[in-house]
């Protein structure tokens, strides 16, 4: 690598760091520093929430409600990810352009599908949830579609990039042996990205569980909805019970992801 280019890159980073520091320092002058800046009762509430961490509500009714809410949250995430995988598979393939030969058609198809993926992931899932709740009501479909659209755009883009980054030599060997575009996809591209895309899909599944819980705050049932109700009632011990169940869901998915990834790479 050219040392002059390296020095230029380092120089740009120093300038960017300096600009960010100056922006932060200037923002401090626009803050109205007064006694009401921090809520006086906030420290008391924070102490109550922190104390409730050690005394979660483990009564039978709350545990049963937490289990039911966990199942609802997991169901939303699983159903949403099922649609995500379908969207990402087809959109990612067309966005990569591997099924189309070089020419005018590829120059139009690839940007078209990449643009659609960009639009899908540009809007946060919480905004999609509000839109679907407003249009179809407090339905499970609102949560599922709100997850499927932005996550489909994210996973589809990653899938398309993975397909494009595959070494061309094995694919050319398959095509030289008479393989069609579909056969090259099935026996060449997909086996080489299987482990990576599965690992990333499982990571997005973890994110989908958290997003499913967050979307519950708009009124869709689940752990987030129960957390909101407990917060409104100032039952912080119940809040931590539901939060612990959410953490347990994420950890279980993470363990499952690790086991699945180990099997794929063997």
Protein backbone atom coordinates (compact mmCIF):
# COMPACT_ATOMS: atom_id res chain seq x y z
CA UNK A 1 0.00 0.00 0.00
CA UNK A 2 1.19 3.51 -0.85
CA UNK A 3 2.43 5.24 2.30
CA UNK A 4 1.15 8.60 1.04
CA UNK A 5 -2.36 7.16 0.74
CA UNK A 6 -2.08 5.67 4.23
CA UNK A 7 -0.99 9.02 5.66
CA UNK A 8 -3.88 10.71 3.86
CA UNK A 9 -6.35 8.24 5.36
CA UNK A 10 -4.96 8.83 8.85
CA UNK A 11 -5.09 12.57 8.24
CA UNK A 12 -8.79 12.34 7.27
CA UNK A 13 -9.55 10.39 10.43
CA UNK A 14 -7.86 13.03 12.59
CA UNK A 15 -9.87 15.78 10.90
CA UNK A 16 -13.13 13.84 11.37
CA UNK A 17 -12.30 13.22 15.04
CA UNK A 18 -11.56 16.90 15.57
CA UNK A 19 -14.83 17.92 13.89
CA UNK A 20 -16.84 15.53 16.07
CA UNK A 21 -15.13 16.81 19.24
CA UNK A 22 -15.84 20.41 18.26
CA UNK A 23 -19.46 19.57 17.48
CA UNK A 24 -19.83 17.93 20.89
CA UNK A 25 -18.26 20.89 22.69
CA UNK A 26 -20.44 23.39 20.80
CA UNK A 27 -23.58 21.38 21.62
CA UNK A 28 -22.87 21.89 25.33
CA UNK A 29 -23.38 25.65 24.92
CA UNK A 30 -26.90 25.11 23.56
CA UNK A 31 -28.01 23.11 26.60
CA UNK A 32 -30.08 25.12 29.08
CA UNK A 33 -28.25 24.32 32.31
CA UNK A 34 -30.69 24.81 35.17
CA UNK A 35 -31.99 22.93 38.20
CA UNK A 36 -34.88 21.35 36.26
CA UNK A 37 -32.56 19.72 33.73
CA UNK A 38 -32.63 16.50 35.74
CA UNK A 39 -35.91 15.35 37.23
CA UNK A 40 -35.64 15.58 41.02
CA UNK A 41 -37.57 12.35 41.56
CA UNK A 42 -35.61 10.44 38.99
CA UNK A 43 -32.95 9.24 41.41
CA UNK A 44 -35.60 7.83 43.75
CA UNK A 45 -37.25 5.97 40.87
CA UNK A 46 -33.89 4.67 39.68
CA UNK A 47 -33.13 3.37 43.18
CA UNK A 48 -36.50 1.62 43.30
CA UNK A 49 -35.94 0.00 39.91
CA UNK A 50 -32.42 -1.08 40.89
CA UNK A 51 -33.66 -2.53 44.19
CA UNK A 52 -36.39 -4.49 42.39
CA UNK A 53 -33.67 -6.20 40.32
CA UNK A 54 -32.86 -8.36 43.34
CA UNK A 55 -36.48 -9.09 44.23
CA UNK A 56 -38.32 -10.01 40.99
CA UNK A 57 -41.92 -11.16 41.30
CA UNK A 58 -41.82 -14.96 41.14
CA UNK A 59 -45.45 -15.59 41.97
CA UNK A 60 -47.24 -18.27 39.99
CA UNK A 61 -49.55 -15.88 38.14
CA UNK A 62 -46.72 -13.62 37.01
CA UNK A 63 -44.53 -16.54 35.93
CA UNK A 64 -47.41 -18.02 33.93
CA UNK A 65 -48.08 -14.64 32.34
CA UNK A 66 -44.37 -14.27 31.53
CA UNK A 67 -44.34 -17.69 29.86
CA UNK A 68 -47.40 -16.86 27.76
CA UNK A 69 -45.95 -13.49 26.80
CA UNK A 70 -42.60 -15.09 25.95
CA UNK A 71 -44.37 -17.54 23.66
CA UNK A 72 -46.20 -14.64 21.97
CA UNK A 73 -42.96 -12.72 21.47
CA UNK A 74 -41.18 -15.80 20.16
CA UNK A 75 -44.08 -16.59 17.82
CA UNK A 76 -44.01 -13.11 16.31
CA UNK A 77 -40.24 -13.32 15.81
CA UNK A 78 -40.35 -16.83 14.28
CA UNK A 79 -43.22 -16.03 11.93
CA UNK A 80 -41.60 -12.76 10.93
CA UNK A 81 -38.24 -14.42 10.27
CA UNK A 82 -39.93 -17.06 8.12
CA UNK A 83 -41.12 -14.30 5.81
CA UNK A 84 -37.73 -12.57 6.10
CA UNK A 85 -35.92 -15.65 4.79
CA UNK A 86 -38.29 -15.94 1.82
CA UNK A 87 -37.95 -12.23 0.98
CA UNK A 88 -34.17 -12.24 1.45
CA UNK A 89 -33.71 -15.38 -0.66
CA UNK A 90 -35.49 -14.18 -3.77
CA UNK A 91 -34.68 -10.48 -3.54
CA UNK A 92 -31.07 -11.23 -2.63
CA UNK A 93 -30.58 -13.49 -5.64
CA UNK A 94 -32.00 -10.94 -8.08
CA UNK A 95 -30.17 -8.07 -6.35
CA UNK A 96 -26.87 -9.92 -6.81
CA UNK A 97 -27.51 -10.36 -10.55
CA UNK A 98 -26.02 -13.85 -10.65
CA UNK A 99 -28.94 -15.34 -12.60
CA UNK A 100 -28.68 -12.78 -15.38
CA UNK A 101 -25.95 -12.59 -17.98
CA UNK A 102 -24.01 -9.39 -18.48
CA UNK A 103 -25.95 -6.87 -20.53
CA UNK A 104 -28.73 -4.33 -20.41
CA UNK A 105 -31.09 -6.61 -18.47
CA UNK A 106 -28.60 -7.03 -15.62
CA UNK A 107 -27.94 -3.28 -15.51
CA UNK A 108 -31.64 -2.71 -14.81
CA UNK A 109 -32.58 -5.73 -12.67
CA UNK A 110 -29.74 -5.49 -10.16
CA UNK A 111 -30.26 -1.79 -9.24
CA UNK A 112 -34.04 -2.29 -9.21
CA UNK A 113 -33.98 -5.02 -6.58
CA UNK A 114 -31.20 -3.36 -4.59
CA UNK A 115 -33.26 -0.19 -4.52
CA UNK A 116 -36.28 -2.11 -3.25
CA UNK A 117 -34.19 -3.69 -0.51
CA UNK A 118 -32.93 -0.24 0.43
CA UNK A 119 -36.46 1.14 0.71
CA UNK A 120 -37.55 -1.83 2.85
CA UNK A 121 -34.76 -1.44 5.40
CA UNK A 122 -34.80 2.36 5.43
CA UNK A 123 -37.89 2.45 7.68
CA UNK A 124 -37.54 1.13 11.23
CA UNK A 125 -39.68 -1.82 12.28
CA UNK A 126 -41.36 0.26 14.97
CA UNK A 127 -42.58 2.71 12.32
CA UNK A 128 -43.83 -0.20 10.22
CA UNK A 129 -45.64 -1.49 13.32
CA UNK A 130 -47.41 1.85 13.79
CA UNK A 131 -48.42 1.88 10.13
CA UNK A 132 -49.78 -1.66 10.20
CA UNK A 133 -51.57 -1.16 13.52
CA UNK A 134 -53.24 1.93 12.04
CA UNK A 135 -54.27 0.04 8.91
CA UNK A 136 -55.17 -3.47 10.11
CA UNK A 137 -55.51 -2.97 13.87
CA UNK A 138 -53.92 -4.71 16.85
CA UNK A 139 -53.39 -7.95 14.97
CA UNK A 140 -50.54 -10.43 15.07
CA UNK A 141 -50.11 -9.78 11.35
CA UNK A 142 -49.11 -6.20 12.17
CA UNK A 143 -46.15 -7.45 14.22
CA UNK A 144 -45.18 -10.11 11.69
CA UNK A 145 -45.24 -7.79 8.67
CA UNK A 146 -43.50 -5.03 10.61
CA UNK A 147 -40.61 -7.43 11.25
CA UNK A 148 -40.59 -9.06 7.83
CA UNK A 149 -40.23 -5.93 5.70
CA UNK A 150 -37.19 -4.17 7.23
CA UNK A 151 -35.43 -7.38 8.24
CA UNK A 152 -36.05 -8.80 4.77
CA UNK A 153 -34.35 -5.73 3.33
CA UNK A 154 -31.36 -6.10 5.66
CA UNK A 155 -30.90 -9.84 5.20
CA UNK A 156 -31.55 -9.60 1.45
CA UNK A 157 -28.79 -7.01 1.06
CA UNK A 158 -26.34 -9.13 3.07
CA UNK A 159 -27.28 -12.23 1.04
CA UNK A 160 -26.78 -10.35 -2.24
CA UNK A 161 -23.35 -9.10 -1.15
CA UNK A 162 -22.31 -12.60 -0.07
CA UNK A 163 -23.29 -14.03 -3.43
CA UNK A 164 -21.38 -11.32 -5.27
CA UNK A 165 -18.22 -11.87 -3.19
CA UNK A 166 -17.99 -15.58 -3.98
CA UNK A 167 -14.87 -16.55 -5.99
CA UNK A 168 -15.76 -16.95 -9.63
CA UNK A 169 -13.45 -19.90 -10.39
CA UNK A 170 -15.75 -22.67 -9.01
CA UNK A 171 -18.75 -21.10 -10.74
CA UNK A 172 -16.92 -20.90 -14.06
CA UNK A 173 -15.94 -24.56 -13.68
CA UNK A 174 -19.59 -25.53 -13.21
CA UNK A 175 -20.69 -23.45 -16.18
CA UNK A 176 -17.90 -24.92 -18.32
CA UNK A 177 -19.21 -28.37 -17.43
CA UNK A 178 -22.63 -27.40 -18.80
CA UNK A 179 -24.41 -26.23 -15.66
CA UNK A 180 -27.22 -23.73 -16.07
CA UNK A 181 -27.59 -20.55 -14.02
CA UNK A 182 -30.01 -22.30 -11.65
CA UNK A 183 -27.70 -25.30 -11.26
CA UNK A 184 -24.72 -23.00 -10.63
CA UNK A 185 -26.78 -21.25 -7.96
CA UNK A 186 -27.89 -24.47 -6.29
CA UNK A 187 -24.60 -26.39 -6.43
CA UNK A 188 -22.12 -23.52 -6.45
CA UNK A 189 -23.28 -20.30 -4.83
CA UNK A 190 -25.59 -21.57 -2.09
CA UNK A 191 -23.25 -24.21 -0.58
CA UNK A 192 -20.48 -21.61 -0.26
CA UNK A 193 -22.63 -19.06 1.57
CA UNK A 194 -24.75 -21.49 3.57
CA UNK A 195 -22.83 -21.27 6.84
CA UNK A 196 -22.37 -17.49 6.71
CA UNK A 197 -25.95 -16.63 5.81
CA UNK A 198 -27.30 -19.08 8.40
CA UNK A 199 -25.14 -17.51 11.09
CA UNK A 200 -26.28 -14.03 10.16
CA UNK A 201 -29.93 -15.13 9.93
CA UNK A 202 -29.73 -16.50 13.46
CA UNK A 203 -28.29 -13.21 14.63
CA UNK A 204 -31.20 -11.39 13.01
CA UNK A 205 -33.52 -13.85 14.77
CA UNK A 206 -32.10 -12.65 18.10
CA UNK A 207 -32.71 -9.07 16.97
CA UNK A 208 -36.23 -10.02 15.89
CA UNK A 209 -37.02 -11.23 19.41
CA UNK A 210 -35.89 -7.91 20.87
CA UNK A 211 -37.77 -5.98 18.19
CA UNK A 212 -40.85 -8.08 18.79
CA UNK A 213 -40.72 -7.13 22.46
CA UNK A 214 -40.24 -3.45 21.59
CA UNK A 215 -43.15 -3.49 19.14
CA UNK A 216 -45.33 -4.76 21.97
CA UNK A 217 -45.21 -1.21 23.33
CA UNK A 218 -47.50 -0.07 20.50
CA UNK A 219 -50.21 -2.35 21.90
CA UNK A 220 -49.37 -5.70 20.32
CA UNK A 221 -49.21 -8.42 22.98
CA UNK A 222 -45.95 -9.86 24.23
CA UNK A 223 -43.25 -9.26 26.79
CA UNK A 224 -42.92 -5.60 25.90
CA UNK A 225 -46.61 -5.04 26.46
CA UNK A 226 -46.41 -6.63 29.92
CA UNK A 227 -43.33 -4.55 30.76
CA UNK A 228 -45.20 -1.41 29.79
CA UNK A 229 -48.21 -2.33 31.93
CA UNK A 230 -46.00 -3.09 34.93
CA UNK A 231 -44.12 0.19 34.49
CA UNK A 232 -47.39 2.11 34.37
CA UNK A 233 -48.46 0.43 37.62
CA UNK A 234 -45.01 1.05 39.19
CA UNK A 235 -44.59 -2.70 39.76
CA UNK A 236 -40.86 -2.80 39.14
CA UNK A 237 -40.49 -6.32 40.54
CA UNK A 238 -42.79 -7.53 37.75
CA UNK A 239 -40.82 -5.51 35.20
CA UNK A 240 -37.63 -7.38 36.06
CA UNK A 241 -39.41 -10.73 35.84
CA UNK A 242 -40.47 -10.01 32.27
CA UNK A 243 -37.04 -8.57 31.42
CA UNK A 244 -35.34 -11.74 32.71
CA UNK A 245 -37.59 -13.84 30.51
CA UNK A 246 -36.63 -11.69 27.52
CA UNK A 247 -32.94 -12.13 28.33
CA UNK A 248 -33.45 -15.89 28.62
CA UNK A 249 -35.08 -16.01 25.17
CA UNK A 250 -32.13 -14.20 23.57
CA UNK A 251 -29.59 -16.43 25.34
CA UNK A 252 -31.40 -19.60 24.22
CA UNK A 253 -31.40 -18.41 20.60
CA UNK A 254 -27.71 -17.55 20.90
CA UNK A 255 -26.87 -21.05 22.18
CA UNK A 256 -28.95 -22.61 19.42
CA UNK A 257 -27.16 -20.43 16.86
CA UNK A 258 -23.74 -21.53 18.11
CA UNK A 259 -24.68 -25.21 17.93
CA UNK A 260 -26.13 -24.83 14.46
CA UNK A 261 -23.07 -22.96 13.22
CA UNK A 262 -20.74 -25.66 14.56
CA UNK A 263 -22.70 -28.36 12.71
CA UNK A 264 -22.59 -26.42 9.44
CA UNK A 265 -18.84 -25.88 9.49
CA UNK A 266 -18.03 -29.53 10.32
